[in-house]
N, C-alpha and C. Protein backbone atom coordinates (compact mmCIF):
# COMPACT_ATOMS: atom_id res chain seq x y z
N UNK A 1 0.95 -1.05 0.04
CA UNK A 1 -0.06 0.10 0.16
C UNK A 1 0.98 1.44 -0.08
N UNK A 2 0.78 2.43 -0.81
CA UNK A 2 1.39 3.12 -0.83
C UNK A 2 1.04 4.52 0.20
N UNK A 3 2.22 5.04 0.72
CA UNK A 3 2.06 6.23 1.69
C UNK A 3 1.48 7.23 1.03
N UNK A 4 0.27 7.87 1.45
CA UNK A 4 -0.38 8.93 0.86
C UNK A 4 -0.11 10.52 1.48
N UNK A 5 0.48 10.20 2.81
CA UNK A 5 0.95 11.57 3.55
C UNK A 5 2.14 11.77 3.58
N UNK A 6 2.98 12.10 2.56
CA UNK A 6 4.47 12.09 2.61
C UNK A 6 4.66 13.45 2.78
N UNK A 7 4.15 14.45 2.19
CA UNK A 7 4.39 16.26 2.30
C UNK A 7 3.62 16.51 3.80
N UNK A 8 2.31 15.94 4.09
CA UNK A 8 1.79 16.37 5.55
C UNK A 8 1.88 15.75 6.56
N UNK A 9 2.23 14.70 6.27
CA UNK A 9 2.24 13.79 7.68
C UNK A 9 1.30 13.48 8.35
N UNK A 10 1.43 13.92 9.68
CA UNK A 10 0.14 13.47 10.60
C UNK A 10 -0.96 14.26 10.34
N UNK A 11 -1.10 15.41 9.73
CA UNK A 11 -2.21 16.24 9.25
C UNK A 11 -2.92 15.77 7.89
N UNK A 12 -2.41 14.32 7.39
CA UNK A 12 -2.86 14.21 6.28
C UNK A 12 -4.41 13.66 6.71
N UNK A 13 -4.78 13.33 8.07
CA UNK A 13 -6.14 13.04 8.33
C UNK A 13 -7.04 14.11 8.52
N UNK A 14 -6.71 15.31 8.20
CA UNK A 14 -7.52 16.48 7.80
C UNK A 14 -7.92 16.53 6.50
N UNK A 15 -7.12 15.93 5.49
CA UNK A 15 -7.62 16.19 4.17
C UNK A 15 -7.28 17.55 3.65
N UNK A 16 -8.17 17.82 2.88
CA UNK A 16 -7.97 19.02 2.08
C UNK A 16 -8.73 20.34 3.31
N UNK A 17 -9.13 19.99 4.44
CA UNK A 17 -9.91 20.94 5.24
C UNK A 17 -8.90 21.82 5.87
N UNK A 18 -9.32 23.03 6.41
CA UNK A 18 -8.59 23.95 7.31
C UNK A 18 -7.75 25.02 6.51
N UNK A 19 -7.23 24.39 5.67
CA UNK A 19 -6.19 25.29 5.22
C UNK A 19 -4.62 24.86 5.27
N UNK A 20 -3.87 25.12 4.33
CA UNK A 20 -2.23 24.72 4.31
C UNK A 20 -1.48 25.01 5.46
N UNK A 21 -2.03 26.53 6.01
CA UNK A 21 -0.72 27.33 7.16
C UNK A 21 -1.16 26.52 8.24
N UNK A 22 -2.59 26.34 8.54
CA UNK A 22 -3.01 25.81 9.78
C UNK A 22 -2.78 24.31 10.05
N UNK A 23 -2.80 23.45 8.87
CA UNK A 23 -2.05 21.89 8.81
C UNK A 23 -0.85 21.83 8.96
N UNK A 24 0.21 23.32 8.50
CA UNK A 24 1.43 22.91 8.83
C UNK A 24 1.64 23.32 10.35
N UNK A 25 1.16 24.37 10.90
CA UNK A 25 1.39 24.41 12.57
C UNK A 25 1.18 23.39 13.10
N UNK A 26 -0.22 22.89 13.02
CA UNK A 26 -0.48 21.57 13.56
C UNK A 26 0.37 20.52 13.65
N UNK A 27 1.36 20.26 12.43
CA UNK A 27 2.24 19.57 12.09
C UNK A 27 3.31 19.29 12.81
N UNK A 28 3.84 20.66 13.11
CA UNK A 28 4.86 21.29 13.66
C UNK A 28 4.87 21.14 15.28
N UNK A 29 3.74 21.22 15.63
CA UNK A 29 3.05 21.16 17.10
C UNK A 29 2.75 19.68 17.45
N UNK A 30 2.43 18.67 16.36
CA UNK A 30 2.00 17.40 16.82
C UNK A 30 3.49 16.59 16.83
N UNK A 31 4.35 17.11 16.13
CA UNK A 31 5.73 16.39 15.79
C UNK A 31 6.40 16.53 17.05
N UNK A 32 6.51 17.67 17.76
CA UNK A 32 7.47 18.40 18.65
C UNK A 32 6.65 17.54 20.12
N UNK A 33 5.55 17.43 20.02
CA UNK A 33 4.54 16.79 21.11
C UNK A 33 5.00 15.65 21.36
N UNK A 34 5.04 14.73 20.37
CA UNK A 34 4.90 13.19 20.13
C UNK A 34 6.75 12.72 20.27
N UNK A 35 7.44 13.68 20.00
CA UNK A 35 9.08 13.14 20.41
C UNK A 35 9.03 13.09 21.90
N UNK A 36 10.11 12.23 22.04
CA UNK A 36 10.44 11.87 23.46
C UNK A 36 11.45 13.34 24.06
N UNK A 37 10.87 13.75 25.27
CA UNK A 37 11.49 14.88 25.46
C UNK A 37 12.41 14.58 26.65
N UNK A 38 13.55 15.68 27.00
CA UNK A 38 14.47 15.19 27.94
C UNK A 38 14.06 15.71 29.44
N UNK A 39 14.22 14.79 30.26
CA UNK A 39 13.73 14.90 31.41
C UNK A 39 14.71 15.84 32.15
N UNK A 40 13.94 16.77 32.93
CA UNK A 40 14.70 18.12 33.79
C UNK A 40 15.43 17.55 35.00
N UNK A 41 15.15 16.28 35.40
CA UNK A 41 15.78 15.85 36.66
C UNK A 41 16.78 14.55 36.30
N UNK A 42 16.45 13.64 35.64
CA UNK A 42 17.49 12.69 35.40
C UNK A 42 17.93 12.53 33.70
N UNK A 43 17.51 13.69 32.84
CA UNK A 43 18.24 13.79 31.87
C UNK A 43 18.09 12.84 31.06
N UNK A 44 16.95 12.01 30.94
CA UNK A 44 16.77 10.75 29.93
C UNK A 44 16.03 10.86 29.30
N UNK A 45 15.71 10.90 27.96
CA UNK A 45 14.68 11.08 26.90
C UNK A 45 13.71 10.26 26.97
N UNK A 46 13.13 10.71 28.56
CA UNK A 46 11.81 9.56 28.49
C UNK A 46 10.55 10.23 28.64
N UNK A 47 10.36 11.40 28.71
CA UNK A 47 9.16 12.37 29.13
C UNK A 47 8.07 12.23 27.91
N UNK A 48 6.99 11.84 28.40
CA UNK A 48 5.90 11.51 27.54
C UNK A 48 4.70 12.83 28.19
N UNK A 49 3.79 13.29 27.28
CA UNK A 49 2.65 13.75 27.76
C UNK A 49 1.70 13.10 27.95
N UNK A 50 1.34 13.42 29.38
CA UNK A 50 0.12 12.66 29.87
C UNK A 50 -1.16 13.38 29.35
N UNK A 51 -1.26 14.61 29.46
CA UNK A 51 -2.61 15.56 29.19
C UNK A 51 -1.95 16.45 29.15
N UNK A 52 -2.92 17.68 28.54
CA UNK A 52 -2.27 18.71 28.25
C UNK A 52 -1.89 19.53 29.41
N UNK A 53 -0.38 20.05 29.25
CA UNK A 53 0.29 20.46 30.46
C UNK A 53 0.98 19.69 31.23
N UNK A 54 0.40 18.28 31.34
CA UNK A 54 0.93 17.41 32.13
C UNK A 54 1.99 16.50 31.68
N UNK A 55 3.22 16.11 32.15
CA UNK A 55 4.23 15.40 31.70
C UNK A 55 4.74 14.44 32.74
N UNK A 56 5.03 13.16 32.12
CA UNK A 56 5.44 12.45 32.95
C UNK A 56 6.92 11.67 32.46
N UNK A 57 7.82 11.56 33.32
CA UNK A 57 8.98 11.02 32.87
C UNK A 57 8.85 9.02 33.30
N UNK A 58 9.20 8.61 32.17
CA UNK A 58 9.02 7.01 32.35
C UNK A 58 10.04 6.37 33.28
N UNK A 59 11.19 7.25 32.92
CA UNK A 59 12.25 6.57 33.65
C UNK A 59 12.51 6.56 35.17
N UNK A 60 12.51 7.90 35.25
CA UNK A 60 12.41 8.26 37.00
C UNK A 60 11.13 8.68 37.97
N UNK A 61 9.66 8.70 36.98
CA UNK A 61 8.68 8.69 37.54
C UNK A 61 8.15 10.03 37.75
N UNK A 62 9.10 11.09 37.43
CA UNK A 62 8.74 12.59 37.61
C UNK A 62 7.51 12.90 36.86
N UNK A 63 6.69 13.65 37.45
CA UNK A 63 5.38 14.20 37.12
C UNK A 63 4.99 15.67 37.22
N UNK A 64 5.64 16.68 36.05
CA UNK A 64 5.61 17.81 36.42
C UNK A 64 4.59 18.50 35.34
N UNK A 65 4.33 19.72 35.48
CA UNK A 65 3.79 20.64 34.82
C UNK A 65 4.48 21.58 34.01
N UNK A 66 4.08 21.57 32.35
CA UNK A 66 4.87 22.54 31.53
C UNK A 66 4.20 22.80 30.62
N UNK A 67 4.54 23.00 29.48
CA UNK A 67 3.72 23.83 28.61
C UNK A 67 2.68 22.94 27.77
N UNK A 68 1.74 23.54 27.19
CA UNK A 68 0.80 22.33 26.61
C UNK A 68 1.54 21.03 25.74
N UNK A 69 2.04 21.86 24.72
CA UNK A 69 3.03 20.90 23.39
C UNK A 69 4.41 20.59 23.92
N UNK A 70 4.98 21.14 24.66
CA UNK A 70 6.29 20.92 24.93
C UNK A 70 6.72 21.27 26.45
N UNK A 71 8.02 20.87 26.70
CA UNK A 71 8.29 20.90 28.36
C UNK A 71 8.93 22.51 28.55
N UNK A 72 9.22 23.05 27.32
CA UNK A 72 9.75 24.04 27.66
C UNK A 72 8.67 25.17 27.42
N UNK A 73 8.45 26.17 28.76
CA UNK A 73 7.83 27.05 28.69
C UNK A 73 8.29 28.43 28.07
N UNK A 74 7.93 29.46 28.17
CA UNK A 74 8.05 30.91 27.51
C UNK A 74 9.32 31.29 28.66
N UNK A 75 9.14 31.42 29.66
CA UNK A 75 9.95 31.55 30.44
C UNK A 75 11.53 31.04 30.16
N UNK A 76 11.29 29.55 30.18
CA UNK A 76 12.46 29.11 29.55
C UNK A 76 13.16 29.41 28.60
N UNK A 77 12.42 29.84 27.43
CA UNK A 77 12.99 30.01 26.11
C UNK A 77 13.64 31.29 26.57
N UNK A 78 12.94 32.35 27.07
CA UNK A 78 13.39 33.81 27.39
C UNK A 78 14.60 33.60 28.01
N UNK A 79 14.77 32.63 28.97
CA UNK A 79 16.39 32.48 29.84
C UNK A 79 17.12 31.79 28.86
N UNK A 80 16.91 31.02 28.18
CA UNK A 80 17.64 30.48 27.10
C UNK A 80 18.32 31.84 26.00
N UNK A 81 17.26 32.47 25.59
CA UNK A 81 17.78 33.61 24.86
C UNK A 81 18.88 34.51 25.53
N UNK A 82 18.38 34.91 26.56
CA UNK A 82 19.22 35.71 27.63
C UNK A 82 20.84 35.41 27.99
N UNK A 83 20.57 33.81 27.81
CA UNK A 83 21.78 33.26 28.01
C UNK A 83 22.75 33.35 26.68
N UNK A 84 22.05 32.94 25.56
CA UNK A 84 22.83 33.04 24.12
C UNK A 84 23.76 34.36 24.02
N UNK A 85 22.38 35.67 24.58
CA UNK A 85 22.79 36.89 24.22
C UNK A 85 24.46 37.19 25.35
N UNK A 86 24.10 36.56 26.55
CA UNK A 86 25.36 36.92 27.55
C UNK A 86 26.65 36.46 27.23
N UNK A 87 26.60 35.30 26.55
CA UNK A 87 27.87 34.32 25.98
C UNK A 87 28.40 35.34 25.09
N UNK A 88 27.57 35.93 24.31
CA UNK A 88 28.33 36.85 23.11
C UNK A 88 29.11 37.98 23.92
N UNK A 89 28.34 38.33 24.70
CA UNK A 89 29.07 39.53 25.82
C UNK A 89 30.50 39.23 26.46
N UNK A 90 30.69 40.42 26.68
CA UNK A 90 32.04 40.07 27.47
C UNK A 90 31.64 40.10 29.09
N UNK A 91 32.54 39.24 30.27
CA UNK A 91 32.03 39.65 31.42
C UNK A 91 31.23 41.07 32.04
N UNK A 92 32.30 42.03 31.49
CA UNK A 92 32.26 43.25 31.93
C UNK A 92 30.88 43.98 31.38
N UNK A 93 30.28 43.66 30.09
CA UNK A 93 29.16 44.25 29.88
C UNK A 93 27.55 43.58 30.21
N UNK A 94 27.80 42.68 30.91
CA UNK A 94 26.80 41.88 31.46
C UNK A 94 26.22 42.51 32.78
N UNK A 95 25.09 42.82 32.73
CA UNK A 95 24.56 43.54 33.78
C UNK A 95 24.06 42.62 35.10
N UNK A 96 24.69 43.37 36.41
CA UNK A 96 24.23 42.67 37.43
C UNK A 96 25.22 41.68 37.62
N UNK A 97 26.32 41.40 37.05
CA UNK A 97 27.01 40.52 37.17
C UNK A 97 28.48 40.59 37.61
N UNK A 98 28.66 41.89 37.96
CA UNK A 98 29.76 42.28 38.49
C UNK A 98 30.13 41.92 39.99
N UNK A 99 31.20 41.40 40.28
CA UNK A 99 31.31 41.27 41.60
C UNK A 99 31.45 42.07 42.57
N UNK A 100 30.73 42.42 43.65
CA UNK A 100 30.59 44.09 44.15
C UNK A 100 31.74 44.25 44.79
N UNK A 101 32.49 45.57 44.78
CA UNK A 101 33.67 46.08 45.21
C UNK A 101 33.57 45.63 46.79
N UNK A 102 34.52 45.31 47.24
CA UNK A 102 34.79 44.87 48.68
C UNK A 102 35.50 45.96 49.41
N UNK A 103 34.82 46.54 49.91
CA UNK A 103 35.34 47.65 50.80
C UNK A 103 36.09 47.23 52.27
N UNK A 104 37.54 47.44 51.87
CA UNK A 104 38.31 47.23 53.14
C UNK A 104 38.02 47.93 54.22
N UNK A 105 37.80 47.36 55.26
CA UNK A 105 37.99 48.27 56.71
C UNK A 105 39.18 48.72 56.72
N UNK A 106 39.33 50.19 57.56
CA UNK A 106 40.54 50.59 57.77
C UNK A 106 41.13 49.78 58.75
N UNK A 107 42.50 49.55 58.61
CA UNK A 107 43.45 49.02 59.39
C UNK A 107 43.54 49.61 61.09
N UNK A 108 43.45 49.09 61.80
CA UNK A 108 43.66 49.50 63.42
C UNK A 108 44.87 49.41 63.70
N UNK A 109 45.93 50.45 63.87
CA UNK A 109 46.68 50.37 64.20
C UNK A 109 46.80 50.41 65.81
N UNK A 110 47.38 49.52 66.16
CA UNK A 110 47.70 49.44 67.51
C UNK A 110 48.81 50.38 68.30
N UNK A 111 48.42 51.62 68.87
CA UNK A 111 49.46 52.38 69.57
C UNK A 111 50.01 51.82 70.87
N UNK A 112 51.27 52.31 70.71
CA UNK A 112 51.67 51.71 71.82
C UNK A 112 51.35 52.55 73.35
N UNK A 113 51.03 51.69 74.17
CA UNK A 113 50.44 52.18 75.35
C UNK A 113 51.49 52.94 76.16
N UNK A 114 51.49 54.24 76.32
CA UNK A 114 52.72 55.06 76.81
C UNK A 114 51.85 55.18 78.41
N UNK A 115 52.68 55.16 79.50
CA UNK A 115 52.09 55.45 80.65
C UNK A 115 51.74 56.97 80.99
N UNK A 116 50.38 57.07 81.41
CA UNK A 116 50.10 58.53 81.44
C UNK A 116 51.23 59.14 82.49
N UNK A 117 51.63 60.56 82.30
CA UNK A 117 52.33 61.03 83.16
C UNK A 117 51.43 61.10 84.90
N UNK A 118 52.39 60.43 85.68
CA UNK A 118 51.83 60.45 87.01
C UNK A 118 51.71 61.87 87.60
N UNK A 119 50.77 62.27 88.06
CA UNK A 119 50.69 63.71 88.76
C UNK A 119 50.26 63.37 90.29
N UNK A 120 51.16 63.65 91.01
CA UNK A 120 51.25 63.84 92.44
C UNK A 120 50.07 64.45 92.90
N UNK A 121 49.14 63.34 93.91
CA UNK A 121 47.89 64.25 94.34
C UNK A 121 48.00 65.07 95.30
N UNK A 122 47.37 66.03 95.33
CA UNK A 122 47.53 67.14 96.53
C UNK A 122 47.22 66.33 97.57
N UNK A 123 48.18 66.86 98.68
CA UNK A 123 47.75 66.39 100.03
C UNK A 123 46.87 67.31 100.38
N UNK A 124 45.68 66.90 101.05
CA UNK A 124 44.47 67.79 101.50
C UNK A 124 44.75 67.18 103.27
N UNK A 125 44.41 67.95 103.99
CA UNK A 125 44.24 67.74 105.27
C UNK A 125 43.03 67.00 105.58
N UNK A 126 42.92 65.96 106.45
CA UNK A 126 41.74 65.23 106.70
C UNK A 126 40.29 65.94 106.81
N UNK A 127 40.67 67.10 107.56
CA UNK A 127 39.50 67.61 108.02
C UNK A 127 38.67 68.24 106.73
N UNK A 128 39.70 68.54 105.79
CA UNK A 128 38.84 69.21 104.52
C UNK A 128 38.28 68.09 103.52
N UNK A 129 38.70 67.09 103.95
CA UNK A 129 38.38 65.82 102.93
C UNK A 129 36.88 65.32 103.24
N UNK A 130 36.62 65.26 104.40
CA UNK A 130 35.34 64.90 104.78
C UNK A 130 34.78 66.53 105.40
N UNK A 131 33.39 66.72 104.76
CA UNK A 131 32.67 67.86 105.32
C UNK A 131 31.62 67.50 106.38
N UNK A 132 31.77 67.63 107.38
CA UNK A 132 30.86 67.47 108.35
C UNK A 132 29.50 67.91 108.19
N UNK A 133 28.33 67.61 108.16
CA UNK A 133 27.19 68.11 108.25
C UNK A 133 26.53 68.54 109.66
N UNK A 134 26.32 69.53 110.08
CA UNK A 134 25.54 70.12 111.28
C UNK A 134 24.29 70.03 111.05
């Protein structure tokens, strides 16, 4: 039996309905959805889609939420794009990655302890030291 869906692939079931562009988009999404994805925890290509947005790894049993048709979410794609941009830049040009300048505390210089000059106490007669209250 001859293959009738060489060009259209999985969207051959739609026949001539829905238009070419829609069928091409469905083909891309379906292909990405059905290929085994890489598990974020054990790194095996064993992640399958259980339902819309729910993915499960057949190797380690991890069940997690992600995008409906791929495990890569928009935030993940944004992070990847910024990482690629940062790889092209030098470390000085990357914002918020410069190490904060360490402000060293002034060194405390220990001064030699010099004995204070000894001042002789004035000798006060005993009578004057204690005042008698009458």
